[in-house]
Amino acid sequence: MKIVRFNVGDTLVLKKSHPCGDNRFKVLRTGSDVRIVCLSCGRDMTIGREKLDCAIKKVICENTDDIN
């Protein structure tokens, strides 16, 4: 299994969309459980790290200044 690197504040694009129709989520907290919020409807949810790693399609970093 591949571990996806992301930080608090990053936007995650998931493979499947949320019931509201959007598939973009902002990371609020990281750890073994990750807390994310839907950018369309504002729904807040906590997902296990392993399950979320499989569902991520793309990570959009908040700060592009950190990339060398």
N, C-alpha and C. Protein backbone atom coordinates (compact mmCIF):
# COMPACT_ATOMS: atom_id res chain seq x y z
N MET A 1 0.83 -1.18 0.00
CA MET A 1 0.00 0.00 0.00
C MET A 1 0.88 1.24 0.00
N LYS A 2 0.52 2.22 -0.78
CA LYS A 2 1.27 3.46 -0.89
C LYS A 2 0.76 4.47 0.13
N ILE A 3 1.67 5.11 0.87
CA ILE A 3 1.31 6.13 1.83
C ILE A 3 1.35 7.48 1.13
N VAL A 4 0.24 8.19 1.16
CA VAL A 4 0.12 9.49 0.51
C VAL A 4 0.48 10.56 1.52
N ARG A 5 1.35 11.50 1.13
CA ARG A 5 1.79 12.58 2.02
C ARG A 5 0.90 13.80 1.82
N PHE A 6 0.31 14.29 2.91
CA PHE A 6 -0.45 15.53 2.90
C PHE A 6 -0.41 16.13 4.28
N ASN A 7 -0.69 17.42 4.36
CA ASN A 7 -0.64 18.17 5.61
C ASN A 7 -1.98 18.85 5.87
N VAL A 8 -2.12 19.39 7.07
CA VAL A 8 -3.31 20.16 7.42
C VAL A 8 -3.40 21.36 6.49
N GLY A 9 -4.57 21.60 5.94
CA GLY A 9 -4.79 22.72 5.02
C GLY A 9 -4.76 22.32 3.56
N ASP A 10 -4.21 21.13 3.24
CA ASP A 10 -4.17 20.67 1.85
C ASP A 10 -5.57 20.26 1.40
N THR A 11 -5.80 20.30 0.09
CA THR A 11 -7.06 19.85 -0.49
C THR A 11 -6.84 18.49 -1.13
N LEU A 12 -7.73 17.55 -0.82
CA LEU A 12 -7.66 16.20 -1.38
C LEU A 12 -8.77 16.04 -2.41
N VAL A 13 -8.42 15.49 -3.57
CA VAL A 13 -9.41 15.13 -4.58
C VAL A 13 -9.55 13.62 -4.49
N LEU A 14 -10.75 13.16 -4.17
CA LEU A 14 -10.99 11.73 -3.98
C LEU A 14 -11.53 11.09 -5.25
N LYS A 15 -11.40 9.76 -5.34
CA LYS A 15 -11.86 9.02 -6.51
C LYS A 15 -13.38 9.07 -6.65
N LYS A 16 -14.08 8.92 -5.53
CA LYS A 16 -15.54 8.95 -5.55
C LYS A 16 -16.02 10.28 -4.99
N SER A 17 -17.13 10.76 -5.51
CA SER A 17 -17.64 12.05 -5.05
C SER A 17 -18.53 11.86 -3.82
N HIS A 18 -18.66 12.94 -3.08
CA HIS A 18 -19.53 13.01 -1.91
C HIS A 18 -20.97 13.04 -2.42
N PRO A 19 -21.96 12.64 -1.62
CA PRO A 19 -23.36 12.69 -2.09
C PRO A 19 -23.82 14.07 -2.59
N CYS A 20 -23.15 15.14 -2.16
CA CYS A 20 -23.53 16.48 -2.64
C CYS A 20 -23.03 16.73 -4.05
N GLY A 21 -22.11 15.88 -4.55
CA GLY A 21 -21.65 16.00 -5.92
C GLY A 21 -20.20 16.43 -6.08
N ASP A 22 -19.57 16.93 -5.03
CA ASP A 22 -18.18 17.40 -5.12
C ASP A 22 -17.25 16.30 -4.60
N ASN A 23 -16.01 16.29 -5.11
CA ASN A 23 -15.04 15.29 -4.65
C ASN A 23 -13.79 15.94 -4.05
N ARG A 24 -13.90 17.22 -3.65
CA ARG A 24 -12.77 17.94 -3.05
C ARG A 24 -13.00 18.13 -1.55
N PHE A 25 -11.99 17.81 -0.76
CA PHE A 25 -12.07 17.90 0.69
C PHE A 25 -10.83 18.58 1.24
N LYS A 26 -11.00 19.37 2.29
CA LYS A 26 -9.88 20.05 2.95
C LYS A 26 -9.51 19.27 4.21
N VAL A 27 -8.20 19.10 4.46
CA VAL A 27 -7.71 18.36 5.62
C VAL A 27 -7.71 19.28 6.83
N LEU A 28 -8.39 18.85 7.91
CA LEU A 28 -8.43 19.62 9.15
C LEU A 28 -7.49 19.06 10.21
N ARG A 29 -7.28 17.72 10.22
CA ARG A 29 -6.43 17.08 11.21
C ARG A 29 -5.87 15.80 10.62
N THR A 30 -4.62 15.48 10.94
CA THR A 30 -4.00 14.25 10.44
C THR A 30 -3.64 13.35 11.61
N GLY A 31 -3.32 12.12 11.29
CA GLY A 31 -2.97 11.11 12.28
C GLY A 31 -3.45 9.76 11.80
N SER A 32 -3.73 8.85 12.73
CA SER A 32 -4.25 7.55 12.32
C SER A 32 -5.67 7.68 11.78
N ASP A 33 -6.40 8.67 12.28
CA ASP A 33 -7.68 9.08 11.71
C ASP A 33 -7.50 10.49 11.16
N VAL A 34 -8.07 10.74 9.98
CA VAL A 34 -7.92 12.04 9.34
C VAL A 34 -9.28 12.72 9.32
N ARG A 35 -9.30 13.98 9.75
CA ARG A 35 -10.54 14.75 9.74
C ARG A 35 -10.55 15.65 8.51
N ILE A 36 -11.60 15.52 7.68
CA ILE A 36 -11.72 16.29 6.45
C ILE A 36 -13.08 16.95 6.40
N VAL A 37 -13.17 18.00 5.59
CA VAL A 37 -14.44 18.70 5.41
C VAL A 37 -14.69 18.88 3.92
N CYS A 38 -15.92 18.63 3.48
CA CYS A 38 -16.30 18.79 2.08
C CYS A 38 -16.29 20.27 1.73
N LEU A 39 -15.67 20.63 0.62
CA LEU A 39 -15.58 22.03 0.21
C LEU A 39 -16.88 22.55 -0.39
N SER A 40 -17.81 21.66 -0.74
CA SER A 40 -19.07 22.09 -1.33
C SER A 40 -20.15 22.31 -0.26
N CYS A 41 -20.41 21.29 0.55
CA CYS A 41 -21.52 21.38 1.50
C CYS A 41 -21.07 21.64 2.93
N GLY A 42 -19.77 21.49 3.23
CA GLY A 42 -19.27 21.76 4.57
C GLY A 42 -19.39 20.61 5.54
N ARG A 43 -19.76 19.45 5.07
CA ARG A 43 -19.89 18.26 5.93
C ARG A 43 -18.52 17.88 6.48
N ASP A 44 -18.45 17.68 7.78
CA ASP A 44 -17.21 17.35 8.49
C ASP A 44 -17.22 15.85 8.79
N MET A 45 -16.13 15.14 8.49
CA MET A 45 -16.09 13.70 8.76
C MET A 45 -14.69 13.26 9.14
N THR A 46 -14.62 12.14 9.85
CA THR A 46 -13.36 11.54 10.24
C THR A 46 -13.27 10.17 9.56
N ILE A 47 -12.14 9.93 8.89
CA ILE A 47 -11.93 8.68 8.14
C ILE A 47 -10.60 8.08 8.56
N GLY A 48 -10.54 6.76 8.64
CA GLY A 48 -9.29 6.07 8.95
C GLY A 48 -8.25 6.33 7.87
N ARG A 49 -6.99 6.43 8.28
CA ARG A 49 -5.91 6.79 7.35
C ARG A 49 -5.77 5.78 6.21
N GLU A 50 -5.85 4.48 6.50
CA GLU A 50 -5.70 3.46 5.46
C GLU A 50 -6.80 3.56 4.41
N LYS A 51 -8.02 3.75 4.85
CA LYS A 51 -9.15 3.87 3.92
C LYS A 51 -9.02 5.13 3.06
N LEU A 52 -8.59 6.23 3.68
CA LEU A 52 -8.44 7.48 2.95
C LEU A 52 -7.30 7.40 1.94
N ASP A 53 -6.18 6.76 2.30
CA ASP A 53 -5.05 6.62 1.37
C ASP A 53 -5.46 5.91 0.09
N CYS A 54 -6.36 4.94 0.19
CA CYS A 54 -6.83 4.22 -1.01
C CYS A 54 -7.78 5.08 -1.85
N ALA A 55 -8.44 6.05 -1.23
CA ALA A 55 -9.46 6.84 -1.92
C ALA A 55 -8.92 8.11 -2.57
N ILE A 56 -7.67 8.49 -2.28
CA ILE A 56 -7.13 9.75 -2.79
C ILE A 56 -6.72 9.62 -4.25
N LYS A 57 -7.16 10.57 -5.05
CA LYS A 57 -6.79 10.65 -6.46
C LYS A 57 -5.65 11.65 -6.65
N LYS A 58 -5.74 12.82 -5.95
CA LYS A 58 -4.74 13.87 -6.10
C LYS A 58 -4.71 14.73 -4.85
N VAL A 59 -3.51 15.26 -4.52
CA VAL A 59 -3.35 16.18 -3.39
C VAL A 59 -2.96 17.55 -3.95
N ILE A 60 -3.71 18.56 -3.55
CA ILE A 60 -3.40 19.93 -3.93
C ILE A 60 -2.86 20.63 -2.69
N CYS A 61 -1.57 20.98 -2.71
CA CYS A 61 -0.92 21.57 -1.55
C CYS A 61 -1.37 23.00 -1.34
N GLU A 62 -1.49 23.38 -0.06
CA GLU A 62 -1.88 24.75 0.28
C GLU A 62 -0.75 25.72 -0.02
N ASN A 63 0.46 25.39 0.41
CA ASN A 63 1.63 26.23 0.17
C ASN A 63 2.54 25.58 -0.87
N THR A 64 2.67 26.21 -2.02
CA THR A 64 3.56 25.69 -3.04
C THR A 64 4.99 26.17 -2.80
N ASP A 65 5.19 27.08 -1.81
CA ASP A 65 6.53 27.58 -1.48
C ASP A 65 7.38 26.50 -0.84
N ASP A 66 6.75 25.48 -0.23
CA ASP A 66 7.48 24.43 0.45
C ASP A 66 8.15 23.45 -0.50
N ILE A 67 7.73 23.42 -1.76
CA ILE A 67 8.28 22.47 -2.72
C ILE A 67 9.60 22.99 -3.26
N ASN A 68 10.64 22.16 -3.22
CA ASN A 68 11.96 22.56 -3.72
C ASN A 68 12.08 22.34 -5.19
